[in-house]
């Protein structure tokens, strides 16, 4: 009984680890995407007229 519990516990831990790796590796943001995003936010070219004028 104790050996079955240990094996089941290791299986659950391994399953959770694999699920974590599968789902959360896709959330990382590309460097290229981040550069374009920062450029759009800070560029004068994309500034809306009157956006910061108050």
N, C-alpha and C. Protein backbone atom coordinates (compact mmCIF):
# COMPACT_ATOMS: atom_id res chain seq x y z
N UNK A 1 0.81 -1.20 0.00
CA UNK A 1 0.00 0.00 0.00
C UNK A 1 0.85 1.27 0.00
N UNK A 2 1.88 1.31 0.81
CA UNK A 2 2.71 2.51 0.90
C UNK A 2 3.45 2.76 -0.40
N UNK A 3 3.89 1.69 -1.06
CA UNK A 3 4.61 1.85 -2.33
C UNK A 3 3.66 2.40 -3.40
N UNK A 4 2.43 1.94 -3.41
CA UNK A 4 1.46 2.45 -4.38
C UNK A 4 1.18 3.93 -4.15
N UNK A 5 1.11 4.35 -2.90
CA UNK A 5 0.89 5.77 -2.60
C UNK A 5 2.07 6.62 -3.06
N UNK A 6 3.28 6.12 -2.87
CA UNK A 6 4.47 6.86 -3.31
C UNK A 6 4.49 6.97 -4.82
N UNK A 7 4.21 5.89 -5.52
CA UNK A 7 4.20 5.92 -6.98
C UNK A 7 3.10 6.85 -7.50
N UNK A 8 1.93 6.81 -6.87
CA UNK A 8 0.85 7.69 -7.27
C UNK A 8 1.21 9.16 -7.02
N UNK A 9 1.85 9.44 -5.90
CA UNK A 9 2.27 10.81 -5.60
C UNK A 9 3.29 11.32 -6.61
N UNK A 10 4.25 10.49 -6.96
CA UNK A 10 5.25 10.88 -7.97
C UNK A 10 4.60 11.09 -9.33
N UNK A 11 3.62 10.26 -9.66
CA UNK A 11 2.90 10.42 -10.92
C UNK A 11 2.14 11.73 -10.98
N UNK A 12 1.52 12.10 -9.87
CA UNK A 12 0.78 13.36 -9.82
C UNK A 12 1.73 14.54 -9.94
N UNK A 13 2.84 14.49 -9.24
CA UNK A 13 3.83 15.58 -9.31
C UNK A 13 4.38 15.69 -10.72
N UNK A 14 4.70 14.57 -11.34
CA UNK A 14 5.21 14.58 -12.72
C UNK A 14 4.14 15.11 -13.68
N UNK A 15 2.89 14.73 -13.49
CA UNK A 15 1.81 15.21 -14.34
C UNK A 15 1.61 16.71 -14.22
N UNK A 16 1.66 17.22 -13.00
CA UNK A 16 1.52 18.67 -12.79
C UNK A 16 2.67 19.42 -13.43
N UNK A 17 3.88 18.88 -13.32
CA UNK A 17 5.06 19.51 -13.93
C UNK A 17 4.92 19.56 -15.45
N UNK A 18 4.49 18.47 -16.05
CA UNK A 18 4.34 18.42 -17.51
C UNK A 18 3.24 19.39 -17.96
N UNK A 19 2.13 19.44 -17.24
CA UNK A 19 1.06 20.38 -17.58
C UNK A 19 1.55 21.83 -17.47
N UNK A 20 2.33 22.12 -16.44
CA UNK A 20 2.87 23.47 -16.25
C UNK A 20 3.76 23.84 -17.43
N UNK A 21 4.63 22.93 -17.84
CA UNK A 21 5.54 23.20 -18.96
C UNK A 21 4.78 23.39 -20.26
N UNK A 22 3.73 22.62 -20.48
CA UNK A 22 2.97 22.72 -21.72
C UNK A 22 2.20 24.02 -21.82
N UNK A 23 1.57 24.43 -20.72
CA UNK A 23 0.69 25.59 -20.78
C UNK A 23 1.40 26.92 -20.59
N UNK A 24 2.44 26.97 -19.78
CA UNK A 24 3.04 28.25 -19.44
C UNK A 24 4.26 28.62 -20.26
N UNK A 25 4.73 27.75 -21.13
CA UNK A 25 5.85 28.15 -21.97
C UNK A 25 5.37 29.00 -23.13
N UNK A 26 4.09 28.95 -23.46
CA UNK A 26 3.55 29.71 -24.58
C UNK A 26 3.24 31.15 -24.20
N UNK A 27 3.28 31.48 -22.93
CA UNK A 27 2.92 32.82 -22.47
C UNK A 27 4.07 33.81 -22.64
N UNK A 28 5.28 33.33 -22.80
CA UNK A 28 6.43 34.23 -22.93
C UNK A 28 6.27 35.14 -24.15
N UNK A 29 6.68 36.38 -24.00
CA UNK A 29 6.54 37.37 -25.06
C UNK A 29 7.83 37.41 -25.88
N UNK A 30 7.68 37.45 -27.19
CA UNK A 30 8.85 37.56 -28.07
C UNK A 30 9.55 38.89 -27.86
N UNK A 31 10.86 38.91 -28.07
CA UNK A 31 11.60 40.16 -27.98
C UNK A 31 11.19 41.13 -29.08
N UNK A 32 10.96 40.59 -30.30
CA UNK A 32 10.54 41.45 -31.41
C UNK A 32 9.20 42.10 -31.12
N UNK A 33 8.28 41.32 -30.60
CA UNK A 33 6.96 41.85 -30.27
C UNK A 33 7.08 42.93 -29.19
N UNK A 34 7.92 42.68 -28.20
CA UNK A 34 8.09 43.65 -27.12
C UNK A 34 8.70 44.95 -27.63
N UNK A 35 9.65 44.86 -28.58
CA UNK A 35 10.26 46.06 -29.16
C UNK A 35 9.23 46.89 -29.92
N UNK A 36 8.41 46.23 -30.74
CA UNK A 36 7.37 46.93 -31.50
C UNK A 36 6.36 47.56 -30.55
N UNK A 37 5.97 46.83 -29.53
CA UNK A 37 5.01 47.33 -28.55
C UNK A 37 5.55 48.58 -27.85
N UNK A 38 6.81 48.54 -27.43
CA UNK A 38 7.42 49.70 -26.78
C UNK A 38 7.52 50.88 -27.74
N UNK A 39 7.83 50.61 -29.02
CA UNK A 39 7.94 51.68 -30.00
C UNK A 39 6.60 52.37 -30.20
N UNK A 40 5.53 51.59 -30.29
CA UNK A 40 4.20 52.16 -30.48
C UNK A 40 3.80 52.99 -29.27
N UNK A 41 4.13 52.53 -28.08
CA UNK A 41 3.73 53.27 -26.88
C UNK A 41 4.49 54.57 -26.71
N UNK A 42 5.75 54.61 -27.11
CA UNK A 42 6.58 55.78 -26.81
C UNK A 42 6.86 56.67 -28.02
N UNK A 43 6.47 56.26 -29.20
CA UNK A 43 6.81 57.00 -30.41
C UNK A 43 5.90 58.20 -30.62
N UNK A 44 6.46 59.25 -31.16
CA UNK A 44 5.67 60.42 -31.54
C UNK A 44 4.82 60.12 -32.77
N UNK A 45 5.27 59.19 -33.59
CA UNK A 45 4.57 58.84 -34.82
C UNK A 45 3.16 58.29 -34.54
N UNK A 46 3.02 57.55 -33.46
CA UNK A 46 1.75 56.92 -33.14
C UNK A 46 0.96 57.67 -32.07
N UNK A 47 1.42 58.86 -31.71
CA UNK A 47 0.76 59.62 -30.66
C UNK A 47 -0.57 60.18 -31.16
N UNK A 48 -1.59 60.04 -30.35
CA UNK A 48 -2.90 60.58 -30.68
C UNK A 48 -2.90 62.07 -30.36
N UNK A 49 -3.42 62.88 -31.26
CA UNK A 49 -3.42 64.33 -31.06
C UNK A 49 -4.19 64.67 -29.79
N UNK A 50 -3.57 65.41 -28.90
CA UNK A 50 -4.20 65.80 -27.66
C UNK A 50 -4.20 64.73 -26.60
N UNK A 51 -3.43 63.68 -26.82
CA UNK A 51 -3.43 62.55 -25.89
C UNK A 51 -2.92 62.96 -24.51
N UNK A 52 -1.86 63.74 -24.47
CA UNK A 52 -1.25 64.11 -23.20
C UNK A 52 -1.48 65.59 -22.86
N UNK A 53 -2.17 66.31 -23.71
CA UNK A 53 -2.39 67.73 -23.47
C UNK A 53 -3.58 67.91 -22.54
N UNK A 54 -3.34 68.60 -21.44
CA UNK A 54 -4.45 68.88 -20.50
C UNK A 54 -4.29 70.25 -19.92
